[in-house]
N, C-alpha and C. Protein backbone atom coordinates (compact mmCIF):
# COMPACT_ATOMS: atom_id res chain seq x y z
N MET A 1 0.85 -1.18 0.00
CA MET A 1 0.00 0.00 0.00
C MET A 1 0.89 1.24 0.00
N THR A 2 0.57 2.20 -0.88
CA THR A 2 1.30 3.46 -0.94
C THR A 2 0.50 4.52 -0.19
N PHE A 3 1.07 5.10 0.85
CA PHE A 3 0.37 6.08 1.65
C PHE A 3 0.60 7.48 1.09
N VAL A 4 -0.45 8.28 1.12
CA VAL A 4 -0.35 9.66 0.70
C VAL A 4 0.36 10.43 1.80
N PRO A 5 1.44 11.16 1.51
CA PRO A 5 2.22 11.82 2.56
C PRO A 5 1.48 12.97 3.24
N LYS A 6 0.66 13.72 2.52
CA LYS A 6 0.01 14.89 3.10
C LYS A 6 -1.48 14.90 2.75
N VAL A 7 -2.29 14.54 3.73
CA VAL A 7 -3.74 14.60 3.57
C VAL A 7 -4.26 15.66 4.53
N GLN A 8 -4.95 16.63 4.00
CA GLN A 8 -5.51 17.70 4.81
C GLN A 8 -7.00 17.43 5.05
N LEU A 9 -7.41 17.48 6.31
CA LEU A 9 -8.82 17.32 6.66
C LEU A 9 -9.40 18.67 7.05
N ARG A 10 -10.62 18.91 6.62
CA ARG A 10 -11.31 20.15 7.00
C ARG A 10 -12.80 19.86 7.05
N ARG A 11 -13.54 20.75 7.69
CA ARG A 11 -14.99 20.60 7.79
C ARG A 11 -15.60 20.69 6.39
N ALA A 12 -16.45 19.73 6.06
CA ALA A 12 -17.13 19.75 4.76
C ALA A 12 -18.28 20.74 4.81
N MET A 13 -18.40 21.57 3.80
CA MET A 13 -19.42 22.59 3.72
C MET A 13 -20.43 22.25 2.62
N PRO A 14 -21.63 22.83 2.68
CA PRO A 14 -22.63 22.54 1.65
C PRO A 14 -22.12 22.75 0.23
N GLU A 15 -21.24 23.73 0.04
CA GLU A 15 -20.71 23.97 -1.31
C GLU A 15 -19.77 22.86 -1.78
N ASP A 16 -19.37 21.96 -0.87
CA ASP A 16 -18.54 20.82 -1.25
C ASP A 16 -19.37 19.63 -1.71
N ALA A 17 -20.69 19.74 -1.59
CA ALA A 17 -21.55 18.58 -1.84
C ALA A 17 -21.44 18.06 -3.27
N GLU A 18 -21.27 18.94 -4.23
CA GLU A 18 -21.18 18.48 -5.62
C GLU A 18 -19.92 17.66 -5.85
N ALA A 19 -18.76 18.18 -5.41
CA ALA A 19 -17.51 17.44 -5.61
C ALA A 19 -17.50 16.15 -4.80
N CYS A 20 -17.92 16.22 -3.54
CA CYS A 20 -17.95 15.03 -2.70
C CYS A 20 -19.02 14.04 -3.17
N GLY A 21 -20.14 14.57 -3.65
CA GLY A 21 -21.20 13.70 -4.16
C GLY A 21 -20.77 12.92 -5.38
N ARG A 22 -19.98 13.54 -6.23
CA ARG A 22 -19.46 12.83 -7.41
C ARG A 22 -18.56 11.67 -6.99
N ILE A 23 -17.71 11.92 -6.00
CA ILE A 23 -16.84 10.86 -5.48
C ILE A 23 -17.68 9.77 -4.82
N PHE A 24 -18.65 10.17 -4.02
CA PHE A 24 -19.54 9.24 -3.33
C PHE A 24 -20.22 8.32 -4.34
N HIS A 25 -20.75 8.89 -5.39
CA HIS A 25 -21.45 8.10 -6.42
C HIS A 25 -20.50 7.17 -7.15
N GLU A 26 -19.35 7.69 -7.56
CA GLU A 26 -18.39 6.88 -8.31
C GLU A 26 -17.84 5.74 -7.47
N ALA A 27 -17.50 6.03 -6.22
CA ALA A 27 -16.89 5.02 -5.35
C ALA A 27 -17.85 3.88 -5.06
N PHE A 28 -19.10 4.22 -4.69
CA PHE A 28 -20.06 3.18 -4.37
C PHE A 28 -20.49 2.40 -5.62
N SER A 29 -20.65 3.09 -6.74
CA SER A 29 -21.03 2.40 -7.97
C SER A 29 -19.91 1.47 -8.41
N ASP A 30 -18.66 1.91 -8.26
CA ASP A 30 -17.52 1.11 -8.69
C ASP A 30 -17.42 -0.20 -7.92
N ILE A 31 -17.48 -0.15 -6.59
CA ILE A 31 -17.32 -1.37 -5.80
C ILE A 31 -18.53 -2.28 -5.96
N ASN A 32 -19.73 -1.70 -6.03
CA ASN A 32 -20.93 -2.52 -6.19
C ASN A 32 -20.95 -3.20 -7.54
N ASN A 33 -20.55 -2.49 -8.59
CA ASN A 33 -20.51 -3.09 -9.93
C ASN A 33 -19.51 -4.24 -9.99
N GLN A 34 -18.40 -4.11 -9.27
CA GLN A 34 -17.39 -5.17 -9.25
C GLN A 34 -17.96 -6.47 -8.68
N HIS A 35 -18.94 -6.34 -7.78
CA HIS A 35 -19.50 -7.52 -7.12
C HIS A 35 -20.91 -7.85 -7.61
N GLY A 36 -21.38 -7.14 -8.62
CA GLY A 36 -22.68 -7.46 -9.20
C GLY A 36 -23.88 -7.02 -8.38
N PHE A 37 -23.71 -5.96 -7.57
CA PHE A 37 -24.81 -5.45 -6.78
C PHE A 37 -25.21 -4.06 -7.26
N PRO A 38 -26.49 -3.72 -7.17
CA PRO A 38 -26.90 -2.35 -7.51
C PRO A 38 -26.35 -1.36 -6.49
N SER A 39 -26.05 -0.17 -6.93
CA SER A 39 -25.48 0.83 -6.04
C SER A 39 -26.54 1.42 -5.12
N GLU A 40 -26.13 1.71 -3.88
CA GLU A 40 -27.03 2.36 -2.94
C GLU A 40 -27.34 3.79 -3.38
N VAL A 41 -26.48 4.36 -4.20
CA VAL A 41 -26.70 5.71 -4.72
C VAL A 41 -26.72 5.62 -6.25
N PRO A 42 -27.87 5.29 -6.83
CA PRO A 42 -27.96 4.99 -8.26
C PRO A 42 -27.69 6.16 -9.19
N THR A 43 -27.86 7.40 -8.71
CA THR A 43 -27.65 8.56 -9.57
C THR A 43 -26.73 9.56 -8.89
N LEU A 44 -26.08 10.37 -9.71
CA LEU A 44 -25.22 11.43 -9.18
C LEU A 44 -26.06 12.44 -8.40
N GLU A 45 -27.25 12.71 -8.89
CA GLU A 45 -28.12 13.68 -8.22
C GLU A 45 -28.47 13.23 -6.80
N SER A 46 -28.75 11.93 -6.65
CA SER A 46 -29.09 11.43 -5.32
C SER A 46 -27.90 11.51 -4.38
N ALA A 47 -26.70 11.24 -4.89
CA ALA A 47 -25.50 11.31 -4.07
C ALA A 47 -25.25 12.74 -3.60
N ILE A 48 -25.37 13.70 -4.51
CA ILE A 48 -25.18 15.10 -4.14
C ILE A 48 -26.24 15.54 -3.14
N GLY A 49 -27.48 15.11 -3.36
CA GLY A 49 -28.57 15.48 -2.46
C GLY A 49 -28.37 14.96 -1.05
N ILE A 50 -27.91 13.70 -0.94
CA ILE A 50 -27.66 13.12 0.39
C ILE A 50 -26.59 13.90 1.13
N LEU A 51 -25.48 14.19 0.44
CA LEU A 51 -24.39 14.89 1.12
C LEU A 51 -24.73 16.35 1.39
N MET A 52 -25.50 16.96 0.52
CA MET A 52 -25.94 18.33 0.78
C MET A 52 -26.75 18.39 2.08
N MET A 53 -27.62 17.39 2.26
CA MET A 53 -28.43 17.33 3.48
C MET A 53 -27.53 17.11 4.71
N LEU A 54 -26.59 16.16 4.61
CA LEU A 54 -25.73 15.86 5.75
C LEU A 54 -24.78 17.01 6.07
N PHE A 55 -24.21 17.63 5.04
CA PHE A 55 -23.27 18.73 5.24
C PHE A 55 -23.95 19.94 5.88
N SER A 56 -25.28 20.03 5.72
CA SER A 56 -26.02 21.18 6.25
C SER A 56 -26.67 20.89 7.59
N HIS A 57 -26.64 19.63 8.02
CA HIS A 57 -27.37 19.23 9.23
C HIS A 57 -26.54 19.51 10.48
N PRO A 58 -27.09 20.22 11.47
CA PRO A 58 -26.32 20.53 12.68
C PRO A 58 -25.99 19.31 13.54
N GLY A 59 -26.70 18.20 13.34
CA GLY A 59 -26.44 17.01 14.13
C GLY A 59 -25.38 16.09 13.54
N PHE A 60 -24.84 16.46 12.38
CA PHE A 60 -23.81 15.66 11.72
C PHE A 60 -22.51 16.45 11.63
N HIS A 61 -21.40 15.76 11.87
CA HIS A 61 -20.08 16.35 11.68
C HIS A 61 -19.49 15.71 10.43
N CYS A 62 -19.23 16.52 9.41
CA CYS A 62 -18.75 16.00 8.13
C CYS A 62 -17.39 16.59 7.78
N VAL A 63 -16.53 15.76 7.25
CA VAL A 63 -15.15 16.14 6.96
C VAL A 63 -14.81 15.80 5.52
N ALA A 64 -14.08 16.70 4.87
CA ALA A 64 -13.56 16.45 3.52
C ALA A 64 -12.06 16.25 3.60
N ALA A 65 -11.53 15.33 2.79
CA ALA A 65 -10.09 15.09 2.72
C ALA A 65 -9.56 15.67 1.42
N GLU A 66 -8.46 16.41 1.53
CA GLU A 66 -7.84 17.03 0.35
C GLU A 66 -6.39 16.60 0.23
N VAL A 67 -5.96 16.43 -1.00
CA VAL A 67 -4.55 16.19 -1.32
C VAL A 67 -4.16 17.22 -2.37
N ASP A 68 -3.18 18.03 -2.07
CA ASP A 68 -2.75 19.10 -2.98
C ASP A 68 -3.91 20.00 -3.37
N GLY A 69 -4.79 20.28 -2.40
CA GLY A 69 -5.91 21.18 -2.66
C GLY A 69 -7.08 20.56 -3.39
N GLN A 70 -7.00 19.27 -3.69
CA GLN A 70 -8.07 18.57 -4.42
C GLN A 70 -8.82 17.64 -3.46
N ILE A 71 -10.16 17.75 -3.46
CA ILE A 71 -10.95 16.86 -2.62
C ILE A 71 -10.86 15.43 -3.14
N VAL A 72 -10.52 14.50 -2.25
CA VAL A 72 -10.38 13.10 -2.65
C VAL A 72 -11.30 12.17 -1.86
N GLY A 73 -12.05 12.72 -0.92
CA GLY A 73 -12.96 11.87 -0.15
C GLY A 73 -13.67 12.66 0.93
N SER A 74 -14.61 11.98 1.59
CA SER A 74 -15.35 12.63 2.67
C SER A 74 -15.96 11.57 3.58
N VAL A 75 -16.36 12.01 4.78
CA VAL A 75 -17.04 11.14 5.71
C VAL A 75 -17.92 12.00 6.60
N CYS A 76 -19.03 11.43 7.07
CA CYS A 76 -19.92 12.14 7.98
C CYS A 76 -20.16 11.29 9.23
N GLN A 77 -20.46 11.96 10.33
CA GLN A 77 -20.75 11.26 11.57
C GLN A 77 -22.02 11.82 12.20
N ASP A 78 -22.95 10.93 12.49
CA ASP A 78 -24.20 11.28 13.15
C ASP A 78 -23.94 11.39 14.64
N GLU A 79 -24.13 12.57 15.21
CA GLU A 79 -23.84 12.80 16.62
C GLU A 79 -25.08 13.18 17.41
N ARG A 80 -26.24 12.69 16.96
CA ARG A 80 -27.49 13.02 17.64
C ARG A 80 -27.77 12.10 18.82
N SER A 81 -26.94 11.09 19.03
CA SER A 81 -27.15 10.13 20.10
C SER A 81 -25.87 9.98 20.91
N THR A 82 -25.94 9.25 22.01
CA THR A 82 -24.73 8.97 22.79
C THR A 82 -23.81 7.98 22.08
N ILE A 83 -24.36 7.26 21.10
CA ILE A 83 -23.56 6.39 20.23
C ILE A 83 -23.49 7.06 18.87
N ALA A 84 -22.29 7.42 18.43
CA ALA A 84 -22.14 8.06 17.12
C ALA A 84 -22.29 7.02 16.02
N GLY A 85 -22.69 7.47 14.86
CA GLY A 85 -22.78 6.59 13.70
C GLY A 85 -22.11 7.26 12.52
N PHE A 86 -21.03 6.66 12.00
CA PHE A 86 -20.38 7.36 10.89
C PHE A 86 -20.60 6.68 9.55
N GLY A 87 -20.60 7.51 8.53
CA GLY A 87 -20.85 7.09 7.17
C GLY A 87 -21.81 8.06 6.50
N PRO A 88 -21.82 8.10 5.18
CA PRO A 88 -20.97 7.30 4.30
C PRO A 88 -19.53 7.83 4.25
N LEU A 89 -18.61 6.90 4.10
CA LEU A 89 -17.21 7.22 3.87
C LEU A 89 -16.89 6.83 2.44
N SER A 90 -16.40 7.76 1.66
CA SER A 90 -16.10 7.46 0.26
C SER A 90 -14.80 8.13 -0.16
N ILE A 91 -14.03 7.40 -0.96
CA ILE A 91 -12.75 7.87 -1.49
C ILE A 91 -12.78 7.76 -3.00
N ALA A 92 -12.27 8.76 -3.68
CA ALA A 92 -12.22 8.72 -5.15
C ALA A 92 -11.53 7.44 -5.61
N PRO A 93 -12.09 6.75 -6.62
CA PRO A 93 -11.49 5.48 -7.08
C PRO A 93 -10.00 5.56 -7.37
N ASP A 94 -9.52 6.67 -7.93
CA ASP A 94 -8.09 6.76 -8.27
C ASP A 94 -7.23 7.14 -7.06
N ALA A 95 -7.87 7.34 -5.89
CA ALA A 95 -7.11 7.67 -4.68
C ALA A 95 -7.26 6.61 -3.61
N GLN A 96 -7.87 5.49 -3.95
CA GLN A 96 -8.09 4.43 -2.97
C GLN A 96 -6.82 3.61 -2.74
N ASP A 97 -6.84 2.84 -1.63
CA ASP A 97 -5.71 1.98 -1.25
C ASP A 97 -4.44 2.78 -0.98
N ARG A 98 -4.61 4.01 -0.47
CA ARG A 98 -3.45 4.84 -0.17
C ARG A 98 -3.54 5.41 1.26
N GLY A 99 -4.45 4.83 2.08
CA GLY A 99 -4.51 5.21 3.47
C GLY A 99 -5.44 6.35 3.81
N ILE A 100 -6.12 6.93 2.81
CA ILE A 100 -6.98 8.08 3.06
C ILE A 100 -8.23 7.65 3.85
N GLY A 101 -8.78 6.49 3.51
CA GLY A 101 -9.95 6.01 4.23
C GLY A 101 -9.67 5.81 5.71
N ARG A 102 -8.51 5.27 6.03
CA ARG A 102 -8.12 5.06 7.42
C ARG A 102 -8.03 6.40 8.16
N ILE A 103 -7.46 7.40 7.51
CA ILE A 103 -7.31 8.72 8.13
C ILE A 103 -8.68 9.32 8.43
N LEU A 104 -9.60 9.22 7.48
CA LEU A 104 -10.94 9.76 7.69
C LEU A 104 -11.67 9.01 8.80
N ALA A 105 -11.60 7.68 8.75
CA ALA A 105 -12.28 6.87 9.77
C ALA A 105 -11.72 7.16 11.16
N GLN A 106 -10.41 7.24 11.26
CA GLN A 106 -9.79 7.50 12.56
C GLN A 106 -10.18 8.88 13.09
N SER A 107 -10.36 9.84 12.19
CA SER A 107 -10.75 11.18 12.64
C SER A 107 -12.13 11.16 13.28
N MET A 108 -13.02 10.29 12.80
CA MET A 108 -14.35 10.18 13.39
C MET A 108 -14.29 9.50 14.76
N ILE A 109 -13.46 8.46 14.86
CA ILE A 109 -13.29 7.77 16.14
C ILE A 109 -12.71 8.72 17.18
N ASP A 110 -11.70 9.48 16.78
CA ASP A 110 -11.06 10.43 17.71
C ASP A 110 -12.05 11.50 18.15
N ARG A 111 -12.86 11.99 17.23
CA ARG A 111 -13.84 13.02 17.58
C ARG A 111 -14.86 12.48 18.58
N ALA A 112 -15.33 11.25 18.36
CA ALA A 112 -16.30 10.65 19.28
C ALA A 112 -15.71 10.54 20.68
N LYS A 113 -14.44 10.17 20.77
CA LYS A 113 -13.78 10.08 22.07
C LYS A 113 -13.66 11.45 22.72
N GLU A 114 -13.29 12.45 21.93
CA GLU A 114 -13.14 13.81 22.45
C GLU A 114 -14.46 14.35 22.99
N ARG A 115 -15.57 13.96 22.36
CA ARG A 115 -16.89 14.44 22.76
C ARG A 115 -17.48 13.59 23.88
N GLY A 116 -16.76 12.55 24.31
CA GLY A 116 -17.22 11.71 25.40
C GLY A 116 -18.38 10.81 25.03
N LEU A 117 -18.53 10.49 23.74
CA LEU A 117 -19.60 9.60 23.32
C LEU A 117 -19.28 8.16 23.72
N SER A 118 -20.32 7.37 23.90
CA SER A 118 -20.14 6.02 24.43
C SER A 118 -19.53 5.05 23.42
N GLY A 119 -19.69 5.31 22.15
CA GLY A 119 -19.17 4.40 21.14
C GLY A 119 -19.48 4.89 19.75
N VAL A 120 -19.07 4.10 18.76
CA VAL A 120 -19.27 4.44 17.35
C VAL A 120 -19.81 3.21 16.63
N ARG A 121 -20.78 3.40 15.77
CA ARG A 121 -21.34 2.31 14.99
C ARG A 121 -21.31 2.68 13.51
N LEU A 122 -21.42 1.67 12.67
CA LEU A 122 -21.47 1.91 11.23
C LEU A 122 -22.09 0.70 10.54
N LEU A 123 -22.43 0.90 9.27
CA LEU A 123 -22.89 -0.19 8.41
C LEU A 123 -21.82 -0.45 7.36
N GLN A 124 -21.58 -1.71 7.06
CA GLN A 124 -20.53 -2.07 6.10
C GLN A 124 -21.03 -3.19 5.21
N ALA A 125 -20.83 -3.04 3.89
CA ALA A 125 -21.22 -4.09 2.94
C ALA A 125 -20.26 -5.27 3.06
N THR A 126 -20.78 -6.45 3.37
CA THR A 126 -19.93 -7.60 3.66
C THR A 126 -19.08 -8.05 2.48
N PHE A 127 -19.50 -7.71 1.25
CA PHE A 127 -18.71 -8.13 0.09
C PHE A 127 -17.48 -7.24 -0.13
N HIS A 128 -17.42 -6.12 0.59
CA HIS A 128 -16.31 -5.18 0.42
C HIS A 128 -15.22 -5.53 1.45
N ASN A 129 -14.37 -6.47 1.08
CA ASN A 129 -13.38 -6.99 2.03
C ASN A 129 -12.35 -5.95 2.47
N ARG A 130 -12.03 -5.00 1.60
CA ARG A 130 -11.04 -3.99 1.98
C ARG A 130 -11.54 -3.12 3.13
N SER A 131 -12.80 -2.67 3.04
CA SER A 131 -13.33 -1.85 4.12
C SER A 131 -13.55 -2.68 5.38
N LEU A 132 -13.95 -3.94 5.21
CA LEU A 132 -14.13 -4.82 6.37
C LEU A 132 -12.81 -4.98 7.11
N SER A 133 -11.73 -5.15 6.36
CA SER A 133 -10.41 -5.30 6.97
C SER A 133 -10.01 -4.02 7.69
N LEU A 134 -10.28 -2.87 7.08
CA LEU A 134 -9.94 -1.59 7.69
C LEU A 134 -10.66 -1.41 9.01
N TYR A 135 -11.98 -1.64 9.02
CA TYR A 135 -12.75 -1.41 10.23
C TYR A 135 -12.35 -2.40 11.34
N ALA A 136 -12.01 -3.62 10.95
CA ALA A 136 -11.55 -4.59 11.95
C ALA A 136 -10.24 -4.11 12.60
N LYS A 137 -9.34 -3.57 11.79
CA LYS A 137 -8.07 -3.07 12.32
C LYS A 137 -8.28 -1.87 13.23
N LEU A 138 -9.34 -1.12 12.98
CA LEU A 138 -9.63 0.06 13.79
C LEU A 138 -10.38 -0.29 15.07
N GLY A 139 -10.69 -1.57 15.25
CA GLY A 139 -11.31 -2.02 16.50
C GLY A 139 -12.79 -2.28 16.45
N PHE A 140 -13.40 -2.19 15.26
CA PHE A 140 -14.83 -2.46 15.15
C PHE A 140 -15.08 -3.97 15.16
N ALA A 141 -16.23 -4.35 15.71
CA ALA A 141 -16.61 -5.76 15.76
C ALA A 141 -17.98 -5.92 15.10
N ALA A 142 -18.14 -6.98 14.32
CA ALA A 142 -19.43 -7.23 13.68
C ALA A 142 -20.46 -7.61 14.74
N ARG A 143 -21.59 -6.93 14.75
CA ARG A 143 -22.62 -7.16 15.76
C ARG A 143 -23.81 -7.93 15.22
N GLU A 144 -24.32 -7.52 14.06
CA GLU A 144 -25.47 -8.21 13.51
C GLU A 144 -25.56 -7.94 12.01
N PRO A 145 -26.05 -8.93 11.24
CA PRO A 145 -26.21 -8.72 9.80
C PRO A 145 -27.50 -7.98 9.50
N LEU A 146 -27.49 -7.23 8.43
CA LEU A 146 -28.69 -6.55 7.94
C LEU A 146 -28.94 -6.98 6.51
N SER A 147 -30.19 -7.09 6.13
CA SER A 147 -30.56 -7.49 4.77
C SER A 147 -31.24 -6.33 4.07
N VAL A 148 -30.89 -6.13 2.82
CA VAL A 148 -31.53 -5.11 2.00
C VAL A 148 -32.58 -5.80 1.13
N MET A 149 -33.83 -5.41 1.32
CA MET A 149 -34.93 -6.02 0.58
C MET A 149 -35.42 -5.04 -0.49
N ALA A 150 -35.69 -5.55 -1.66
CA ALA A 150 -36.18 -4.72 -2.75
C ALA A 150 -37.50 -5.27 -3.27
N GLY A 151 -38.34 -4.38 -3.77
CA GLY A 151 -39.62 -4.82 -4.32
C GLY A 151 -40.77 -4.02 -3.76
N LEU A 152 -41.96 -4.35 -4.18
CA LEU A 152 -43.15 -3.64 -3.72
C LEU A 152 -43.58 -4.18 -2.36
N PRO A 153 -43.97 -3.30 -1.43
CA PRO A 153 -44.41 -3.77 -0.11
C PRO A 153 -45.76 -4.46 -0.18
N LEU A 154 -45.96 -5.42 0.72
CA LEU A 154 -47.25 -6.08 0.82
C LEU A 154 -48.27 -5.11 1.39
N LYS A 155 -49.52 -5.32 1.04
CA LYS A 155 -50.57 -4.49 1.61
C LYS A 155 -50.63 -4.72 3.11
N GLN A 156 -50.86 -3.64 3.82
CA GLN A 156 -50.90 -3.73 5.28
C GLN A 156 -52.03 -4.66 5.70
N ARG A 157 -51.71 -5.60 6.57
CA ARG A 157 -52.70 -6.54 7.06
C ARG A 157 -52.85 -6.38 8.57
N ALA A 158 -54.07 -6.31 9.01
CA ALA A 158 -54.32 -6.18 10.45
C ALA A 158 -54.01 -7.48 11.16
N ARG A 159 -53.39 -7.37 12.33
CA ARG A 159 -53.09 -8.54 13.14
C ARG A 159 -53.83 -8.37 14.46
N PRO A 160 -54.51 -9.38 14.91
CA PRO A 160 -55.28 -9.27 16.15
C PRO A 160 -54.45 -8.76 17.31
N GLY A 161 -54.92 -7.71 17.96
CA GLY A 161 -54.22 -7.16 19.11
C GLY A 161 -53.14 -6.16 18.80
N TYR A 162 -52.89 -5.90 17.50
CA TYR A 162 -51.85 -4.96 17.12
C TYR A 162 -52.42 -3.90 16.18
N MET A 163 -51.86 -2.69 16.27
CA MET A 163 -52.27 -1.61 15.39
C MET A 163 -51.03 -0.90 14.87
N VAL A 164 -51.03 -0.60 13.59
CA VAL A 164 -49.93 0.14 12.98
C VAL A 164 -50.45 1.53 12.63
N ARG A 165 -49.74 2.55 13.08
CA ARG A 165 -50.14 3.93 12.80
C ARG A 165 -48.91 4.80 12.68
N GLN A 166 -49.10 6.02 12.24
CA GLN A 166 -48.00 6.97 12.13
C GLN A 166 -47.54 7.37 13.53
N ALA A 167 -46.22 7.44 13.72
CA ALA A 167 -45.66 7.80 15.03
C ALA A 167 -45.93 9.26 15.35
N LYS A 168 -46.06 9.55 16.65
CA LYS A 168 -46.30 10.90 17.14
C LYS A 168 -45.24 11.25 18.18
N GLU A 169 -45.11 12.54 18.46
CA GLU A 169 -44.13 12.98 19.45
C GLU A 169 -44.40 12.37 20.82
N SER A 170 -45.66 12.12 21.11
CA SER A 170 -46.01 11.52 22.40
C SER A 170 -45.53 10.08 22.52
N ASP A 171 -45.07 9.49 21.43
CA ASP A 171 -44.56 8.12 21.45
C ASP A 171 -43.10 8.05 21.89
N LEU A 172 -42.42 9.19 21.99
CA LEU A 172 -40.98 9.19 22.24
C LEU A 172 -40.60 8.50 23.54
N GLU A 173 -41.37 8.73 24.59
CA GLU A 173 -41.04 8.11 25.88
C GLU A 173 -41.10 6.58 25.78
N GLY A 174 -42.15 6.08 25.15
CA GLY A 174 -42.31 4.63 25.03
C GLY A 174 -41.25 4.02 24.12
N THR A 175 -40.93 4.68 23.01
CA THR A 175 -39.92 4.12 22.10
C THR A 175 -38.53 4.17 22.73
N THR A 176 -38.27 5.19 23.56
CA THR A 176 -36.98 5.26 24.25
C THR A 176 -36.82 4.10 25.22
N LYS A 177 -37.88 3.80 25.96
CA LYS A 177 -37.85 2.66 26.88
C LYS A 177 -37.64 1.35 26.13
N LEU A 178 -38.16 1.26 24.92
CA LEU A 178 -37.99 0.05 24.11
C LEU A 178 -36.58 -0.03 23.52
N CYS A 179 -36.04 1.12 23.13
CA CYS A 179 -34.74 1.16 22.47
C CYS A 179 -33.61 0.79 23.42
N HIS A 180 -33.68 1.27 24.65
CA HIS A 180 -32.58 1.05 25.60
C HIS A 180 -32.24 -0.42 25.82
N PRO A 181 -33.20 -1.29 26.14
CA PRO A 181 -32.83 -2.70 26.37
C PRO A 181 -32.39 -3.43 25.09
N ILE A 182 -32.80 -2.92 23.93
CA ILE A 182 -32.43 -3.59 22.67
C ILE A 182 -31.09 -3.11 22.15
N HIS A 183 -30.91 -1.78 22.11
CA HIS A 183 -29.69 -1.20 21.53
C HIS A 183 -28.71 -0.68 22.57
N GLY A 184 -29.17 -0.47 23.79
CA GLY A 184 -28.29 0.02 24.83
C GLY A 184 -28.17 1.53 24.89
N HIS A 185 -28.93 2.22 24.07
CA HIS A 185 -28.90 3.69 24.09
C HIS A 185 -30.18 4.21 23.46
N SER A 186 -30.40 5.51 23.60
CA SER A 186 -31.61 6.13 23.06
C SER A 186 -31.37 6.67 21.66
N ARG A 187 -32.39 6.60 20.83
CA ARG A 187 -32.33 7.20 19.50
C ARG A 187 -33.48 8.18 19.33
N SER A 188 -33.88 8.81 20.45
CA SER A 188 -35.05 9.67 20.44
C SER A 188 -34.87 10.88 19.53
N ALA A 189 -33.64 11.43 19.44
CA ALA A 189 -33.42 12.59 18.58
C ALA A 189 -33.65 12.22 17.11
N GLU A 190 -33.17 11.02 16.72
CA GLU A 190 -33.37 10.57 15.35
C GLU A 190 -34.85 10.33 15.07
N LEU A 191 -35.54 9.71 16.04
CA LEU A 191 -36.95 9.42 15.85
C LEU A 191 -37.77 10.71 15.77
N LEU A 192 -37.43 11.70 16.62
CA LEU A 192 -38.16 12.96 16.59
C LEU A 192 -38.04 13.62 15.22
N GLU A 193 -36.84 13.60 14.65
CA GLU A 193 -36.67 14.17 13.31
C GLU A 193 -37.47 13.40 12.28
N ALA A 194 -37.50 12.08 12.40
CA ALA A 194 -38.27 11.25 11.47
C ALA A 194 -39.76 11.57 11.58
N ILE A 195 -40.23 11.77 12.81
CA ILE A 195 -41.64 12.11 13.02
C ILE A 195 -41.94 13.46 12.38
N GLU A 196 -41.04 14.43 12.57
CA GLU A 196 -41.26 15.75 11.99
C GLU A 196 -41.24 15.68 10.46
N GLN A 197 -40.33 14.90 9.90
CA GLN A 197 -40.29 14.73 8.46
C GLN A 197 -41.56 14.06 7.96
N GLY A 198 -42.05 13.08 8.73
CA GLY A 198 -43.29 12.41 8.36
C GLY A 198 -44.47 13.36 8.36
N LYS A 199 -44.48 14.28 9.33
CA LYS A 199 -45.55 15.27 9.37
C LYS A 199 -45.52 16.14 8.13
N ARG A 200 -44.33 16.61 7.77
CA ARG A 200 -44.23 17.49 6.61
C ARG A 200 -44.68 16.76 5.35
N TRP A 201 -44.29 15.47 5.24
CA TRP A 201 -44.69 14.69 4.07
C TRP A 201 -46.20 14.50 4.06
N TRP A 202 -46.76 14.18 5.24
CA TRP A 202 -48.19 13.94 5.35
C TRP A 202 -48.98 15.18 4.99
N TRP A 203 -48.54 16.34 5.51
CA TRP A 203 -49.25 17.58 5.23
C TRP A 203 -49.16 17.93 3.75
N SER A 204 -47.98 17.72 3.16
CA SER A 204 -47.84 18.07 1.74
C SER A 204 -48.68 17.16 0.86
N GLU A 205 -48.80 15.88 1.26
CA GLU A 205 -49.61 14.96 0.48
C GLU A 205 -51.09 15.31 0.57
N ARG A 206 -51.50 15.75 1.77
CA ARG A 206 -52.90 16.08 1.97
C ARG A 206 -53.22 17.49 1.47
N GLY A 207 -52.18 18.33 1.36
CA GLY A 207 -52.40 19.70 0.94
C GLY A 207 -52.89 20.59 2.05
N ASP A 208 -52.70 20.14 3.34
CA ASP A 208 -53.15 20.95 4.47
C ASP A 208 -52.23 22.16 4.70
């Protein structure tokens, strides 16, 4: 492995979303195509949109990596909970395998420690052995597998004794009590944002 001698890290800004989004799209499409999987970010527009949202969000800390003044990668960390969650981490295809990903990942781990957070979590595609090896070396341990399901959802079916409805802010206390024994920490800030986003979507659909 050839390491890049000088990698500069700085806070990623909304105006970096286009350059970082292009890298994000290319990097994920490249590795997924190599293994015959569809990309999680199928279009350049979706990649730019995701990073624009994250770079602008006060609950996320996002960093861009530069070499000789050129952006070569980026990473974001969700800091809305006592357990940080970092990702997506992406490196330009022509700058990979040179240690930049390790530098970005380590910067997120160090920041979580500095902020006194309880730990760091992430999602990793199991077919991507290079990133799996990197995260293992950084001290991450595989906890549970996740499956990505594609297709049309089944029609909602009522089950005796159970009701499915849209979440409300008044549900936060109950969901927090449920989250703690399962995950070991609260995700109430994330859920509150999801509820607020659901409200906006619901109102826009209804035209209220």
